[in-house]
Each structure stands twice: as C-alpha cells, then as structure tokens.
C-alpha cells in the first residue's frame, strides 16, 4: 500500500501493489470520493474522510484478505491520528 498526496494538484492517491512490480494493481483517487450527504466540499479536509475513503476503497477489492488488510491499515492510521490529537491537547 502506498498512500501519498501530490503537491502539484493536491490529489491524495492510494496505490495497492500485489503481484506486479511494474505498476500498481489498483489506484484510487480521493477527489473521486463522494462525501456523505449533508457535508460540504470544504469539509473534505477533515481526516475522518480519508479514513472513510480508505474503507470505501477496501470495499471495492476482489479478495476478502486484501480488504481485511486495507481496513487494518486504515484503522492503524486513524489510531495514530487520534493519538497525535491527544498528545497535542
């Protein structure tokens, strides 16, 4: 899994690599993620949406074990984010 933000166009990208060494097996773009109803576009900077987007990406994977792995990694990222919030307050 490679999760990064491109500076030039402010795009957050998730690349999932498995068997290939030349190109990712799946690529997801955060800009294509639809916010839950009732949320405005400026709210998209809220880190909870990255978590929700990762879960949505996981739901689109074919094999359950890859889905589980991505969900586990999303949970770890969000746990780290919550810990950083607690340290700063």
C-alpha atoms as a PDB file:
ATOM      1  CA  UNK A   1       0.000   0.000   0.000  1.00  0.00           C
ATOM      2  CA  UNK A   2       1.261   3.444  -0.903  1.00  0.00           C
ATOM      3  CA  UNK A   3      -0.748   6.458   0.250  1.00  0.00           C
ATOM      4  CA  UNK A   4       0.512   9.866  -0.819  1.00  0.00           C
ATOM      5  CA  UNK A   5      -0.519  13.392  -1.748  1.00  0.00           C
ATOM      6  CA  UNK A   6       0.681  15.005  -4.930  1.00  0.00           C
ATOM      7  CA  UNK A   7       1.692  18.604  -4.304  1.00  0.00           C
ATOM      8  CA  UNK A   8       1.180  19.818  -7.868  1.00  0.00           C
ATOM      9  CA  UNK A   9      -2.567  19.071  -7.991  1.00  0.00           C
ATOM     10  CA  UNK A  10      -3.392  18.441  -4.317  1.00  0.00           C
ATOM     11  CA  UNK A  11      -4.549  14.914  -5.080  1.00  0.00           C
ATOM     12  CA  UNK A  12      -4.409  12.138  -2.500  1.00  0.00           C
ATOM     13  CA  UNK A  13      -3.714   8.775  -4.118  1.00  0.00           C
ATOM     14  CA  UNK A  14      -3.859   5.213  -2.839  1.00  0.00           C
ATOM     15  CA  UNK A  15      -1.875   2.630  -4.789  1.00  0.00           C
ATOM     16  CA  UNK A  16      -2.240  -1.038  -3.962  1.00  0.00           C
ATOM     17  CA  UNK A  17       0.552  -3.336  -5.090  1.00  0.00           C
ATOM     18  CA  UNK A  18       0.428  -7.120  -5.023  1.00  0.00           C
ATOM     19  CA  UNK A  19       1.890  -9.296  -7.740  1.00  0.00           C
ATOM     20  CA  UNK A  20       3.189  -6.725 -10.208  1.00  0.00           C
ATOM     21  CA  UNK A  21       6.477  -4.896  -9.801  1.00  0.00           C
ATOM     22  CA  UNK A  22       5.911  -2.502 -12.717  1.00  0.00           C
ATOM     23  CA  UNK A  23       2.541  -0.962 -11.890  1.00  0.00           C
ATOM     24  CA  UNK A  24       0.017  -0.954  -9.045  1.00  0.00           C
ATOM     25  CA  UNK A  25      -2.867  -3.422  -9.166  1.00  0.00           C
ATOM     26  CA  UNK A  26      -5.343  -0.766  -8.033  1.00  0.00           C
ATOM     27  CA  UNK A  27      -5.246   3.024  -7.899  1.00  0.00           C
ATOM     28  CA  UNK A  28      -7.806   5.188  -6.099  1.00  0.00           C
ATOM     29  CA  UNK A  29      -8.095   8.999  -6.096  1.00  0.00           C
ATOM     30  CA  UNK A  30      -9.552  10.883  -3.153  1.00  0.00           C
ATOM     31  CA  UNK A  31     -11.012  13.548  -5.465  1.00  0.00           C
ATOM     32  CA  UNK A  32     -13.477  10.923  -6.746  1.00  0.00           C
ATOM     33  CA  UNK A  33     -14.712  10.148  -3.226  1.00  0.00           C
ATOM     34  CA  UNK A  34     -18.249  11.366  -2.604  1.00  0.00           C
ATOM     35  CA  UNK A  35     -18.822  12.932   0.781  1.00  0.00           C
ATOM     36  CA  UNK A  36     -21.648  11.601   2.916  1.00  0.00           C
ATOM     37  CA  UNK A  37     -24.823  13.600   2.334  1.00  0.00           C
ATOM     38  CA  UNK A  38     -25.052  16.782   4.359  1.00  0.00           C
ATOM     39  CA  UNK A  39     -21.327  17.577   4.231  1.00  0.00           C
ATOM     40  CA  UNK A  40     -19.877  20.456   2.259  1.00  0.00           C
ATOM     41  CA  UNK A  41     -16.848  20.251  -0.040  1.00  0.00           C
ATOM     42  CA  UNK A  42     -14.701  22.345   2.317  1.00  0.00           C
ATOM     43  CA  UNK A  43     -15.212  19.669   4.978  1.00  0.00           C
ATOM     44  CA  UNK A  44     -13.222  17.243   2.814  1.00  0.00           C
ATOM     45  CA  UNK A  45     -10.029  18.271   4.601  1.00  0.00           C
ATOM     46  CA  UNK A  46     -11.298  16.508   7.742  1.00  0.00           C
ATOM     47  CA  UNK A  47      -9.083  13.402   8.283  1.00  0.00           C
ATOM     48  CA  UNK A  48     -12.130  11.249   9.026  1.00  0.00           C
ATOM     49  CA  UNK A  49     -12.929  11.409   5.315  1.00  0.00           C
ATOM     50  CA  UNK A  50      -9.572   9.878   4.412  1.00  0.00           C
ATOM     51  CA  UNK A  51     -10.444   7.019   6.765  1.00  0.00           C
ATOM     52  CA  UNK A  52     -13.900   6.626   5.195  1.00  0.00           C
ATOM     53  CA  UNK A  53     -12.375   6.763   1.720  1.00  0.00           C
ATOM     54  CA  UNK A  54      -9.872   4.012   2.615  1.00  0.00           C
ATOM     55  CA  UNK A  55     -12.742   1.843   3.862  1.00  0.00           C
ATOM     56  CA  UNK A  56     -14.636   2.512   0.633  1.00  0.00           C
ATOM     57  CA  UNK A  57     -11.538   1.550  -1.371  1.00  0.00           C
ATOM     58  CA  UNK A  58     -11.275  -1.663   0.655  1.00  0.00           C
ATOM     59  CA  UNK A  59     -14.901  -2.493  -0.139  1.00  0.00           C
ATOM     60  CA  UNK A  60     -14.078  -2.413  -3.861  1.00  0.00           C
ATOM     61  CA  UNK A  61     -11.338  -5.040  -3.654  1.00  0.00           C
ATOM     62  CA  UNK A  62     -11.982  -8.519  -5.017  1.00  0.00           C
ATOM     63  CA  UNK A  63     -10.383 -10.719  -2.380  1.00  0.00           C
ATOM     64  CA  UNK A  64     -11.505 -10.588   1.247  1.00  0.00           C
ATOM     65  CA  UNK A  65      -7.965 -10.869   2.636  1.00  0.00           C
ATOM     66  CA  UNK A  66      -6.874  -7.721   0.754  1.00  0.00           C
ATOM     67  CA  UNK A  67      -9.986  -5.951   2.010  1.00  0.00           C
ATOM     68  CA  UNK A  68      -9.137  -7.001   5.563  1.00  0.00           C
ATOM     69  CA  UNK A  69      -5.519  -5.869   5.211  1.00  0.00           C
ATOM     70  CA  UNK A  70      -6.509  -2.430   3.924  1.00  0.00           C
ATOM     71  CA  UNK A  71      -9.104  -1.994   6.685  1.00  0.00           C
ATOM     72  CA  UNK A  72      -6.491  -2.977   9.293  1.00  0.00           C
ATOM     73  CA  UNK A  73      -4.031  -0.440   7.864  1.00  0.00           C
ATOM     74  CA  UNK A  74      -6.727   2.266   7.779  1.00  0.00           C
ATOM     75  CA  UNK A  75      -7.510   1.519  11.431  1.00  0.00           C
ATOM     76  CA  UNK A  76      -3.815   1.816  12.353  1.00  0.00           C
ATOM     77  CA  UNK A  77      -3.531   5.165  10.539  1.00  0.00           C
ATOM     78  CA  UNK A  78      -6.609   6.522  12.274  1.00  0.00           C
ATOM     79  CA  UNK A  79      -5.375   5.265  15.665  1.00  0.00           C
ATOM     80  CA  UNK A  80      -2.106   7.150  15.104  1.00  0.00           C
ATOM     81  CA  UNK A  81      -4.071  10.267  14.167  1.00  0.00           C
ATOM     82  CA  UNK A  82      -6.171  10.026  17.358  1.00  0.00           C
ATOM     83  CA  UNK A  83      -3.027   9.567  19.482  1.00  0.00           C
ATOM     84  CA  UNK A  84      -1.479  12.670  17.923  1.00  0.00           C
ATOM     85  CA  UNK A  85      -4.625  14.659  18.773  1.00  0.00           C
ATOM     86  CA  UNK A  86      -4.458  13.534  22.401  1.00  0.00           C
ATOM     87  CA  UNK A  87      -0.779  14.483  22.666  1.00  0.00           C
ATOM     88  CA  UNK A  88      -1.396  17.961  21.272  1.00  0.00           C
ATOM     89  CA  UNK A  89      -4.272  18.746  23.635  1.00  0.00           C
END
